[in-house]
Amino acid sequence: MKETDSNKPEVKTRRKLLAGIGVLSAFSLWKATGFFFKKKQVIACAPPEEKKTMKVLSQDGKLVEVDISKIKILKGKISDQELQDWIKK
């Protein structure tokens, strides 16, 4: 009978230890899901970027607005004849 009496305190400490580990793991899961804590809102400090656009003529003859960073600007102008040859009819 002495063997069973000596095992009881050991079993109680194991149960307490396992219960403590279970509670700590539950808190970490709740924190990960945001159950207890609210997420802070982030406010942008910089003003929004203004997109610079340029009106250009497409190959099918339509006037479109294009972001300047997306186009390659040529230094020289083309002639009227080159423009007429370039446009598809």
Protein backbone atom coordinates (compact mmCIF):
# COMPACT_ATOMS: atom_id res chain seq x y z
CA MET A 1 0.00 0.00 0.00
CA LYS A 2 2.90 2.34 0.53
CA GLU A 3 3.68 2.30 -3.21
CA THR A 4 0.26 3.68 -4.15
CA ASP A 5 0.49 6.36 -1.46
CA SER A 6 3.83 7.55 -2.78
CA ASN A 7 2.46 7.78 -6.37
CA LYS A 8 -0.47 10.07 -5.49
CA PRO A 9 1.54 13.27 -4.87
CA GLU A 10 3.57 12.60 -7.98
CA VAL A 11 0.42 12.18 -10.07
CA LYS A 12 -1.04 15.41 -8.66
CA THR A 13 2.05 17.41 -9.56
CA ARG A 14 2.02 15.97 -13.10
CA ARG A 15 -1.62 16.90 -13.48
CA LYS A 16 -0.94 20.42 -12.26
CA LEU A 17 2.02 20.72 -14.61
CA LEU A 18 0.02 19.45 -17.59
CA ALA A 19 -2.91 21.72 -16.70
CA GLY A 20 -0.54 24.71 -16.53
CA ILE A 21 0.97 23.88 -19.91
CA GLY A 22 -2.52 23.49 -21.38
CA VAL A 23 -3.63 26.88 -20.06
CA LEU A 24 -0.51 28.60 -21.41
CA SER A 25 -0.98 27.03 -24.82
CA ALA A 26 -4.63 28.12 -24.83
CA PHE A 27 -3.57 31.73 -24.11
CA SER A 28 -1.10 31.67 -27.00
CA LEU A 29 -3.81 30.40 -29.35
CA TRP A 30 -6.23 33.08 -28.19
CA LYS A 31 -3.60 35.76 -28.66
CA ALA A 32 -2.80 34.50 -32.15
CA THR A 33 -6.46 34.68 -33.14
CA GLY A 34 -6.89 38.10 -31.54
CA PHE A 35 -9.50 36.96 -29.04
CA PHE A 36 -8.25 39.11 -26.16
CA PHE A 37 -6.33 41.85 -27.95
CA LYS A 38 -7.50 44.33 -30.55
CA LYS A 39 -5.22 45.13 -33.46
CA LYS A 40 -3.97 48.68 -33.65
CA GLN A 41 -4.89 50.67 -36.72
CA VAL A 42 -1.97 52.03 -38.70
CA ILE A 43 -2.30 55.53 -40.09
CA ALA A 44 -0.22 56.50 -43.10
CA CYS A 45 1.82 59.65 -42.48
CA ALA A 46 2.85 60.38 -46.04
CA PRO A 47 0.45 62.08 -48.43
CA PRO A 48 -0.85 59.91 -51.27
CA GLU A 49 1.24 59.94 -54.40
CA GLU A 50 -0.13 61.88 -57.31
CA LYS A 51 0.08 59.89 -60.51
CA LYS A 52 1.28 61.98 -63.37
CA THR A 53 -0.37 61.08 -66.63
CA MET A 54 0.12 62.14 -70.21
CA LYS A 55 -2.33 62.02 -73.09
CA VAL A 56 -0.98 60.08 -76.03
CA LEU A 57 -2.36 58.82 -79.28
CA SER A 58 -2.65 55.04 -79.60
CA GLN A 59 -1.93 53.18 -82.82
CA ASP A 60 -5.61 52.75 -83.61
CA GLY A 61 -6.15 56.53 -83.40
CA LYS A 62 -7.68 56.87 -79.92
CA LEU A 63 -6.50 59.42 -77.37
CA VAL A 64 -5.61 57.70 -74.07
CA GLU A 65 -4.08 58.77 -70.74
CA VAL A 66 -0.96 56.83 -69.73
CA ASP A 67 1.15 56.96 -66.56
CA ILE A 68 4.38 58.79 -67.39
CA SER A 69 6.53 56.19 -65.64
CA LYS A 70 5.19 53.50 -68.00
CA ILE A 71 6.13 55.18 -71.28
CA LYS A 72 9.41 55.83 -73.00
CA ILE A 73 9.63 59.47 -74.07
CA LEU A 74 11.45 60.18 -77.31
CA LYS A 75 13.51 63.34 -77.56
CA GLY A 76 12.53 64.26 -81.12
CA LYS A 77 9.13 64.86 -82.69
CA ILE A 78 7.91 62.87 -85.65
CA SER A 79 6.59 64.37 -88.84
CA ASP A 80 2.95 64.41 -89.90
CA GLN A 81 3.66 61.88 -92.65
CA GLU A 82 5.26 59.43 -90.15
CA LEU A 83 2.22 59.78 -87.89
CA GLN A 84 -0.18 59.09 -90.74
CA ASP A 85 1.80 56.03 -91.79
CA TRP A 86 1.91 54.74 -88.19
CA ILE A 87 -1.86 54.94 -87.54
CA LYS A 88 -3.76 51.81 -88.58
CA LYS A 89 -6.83 52.45 -90.65
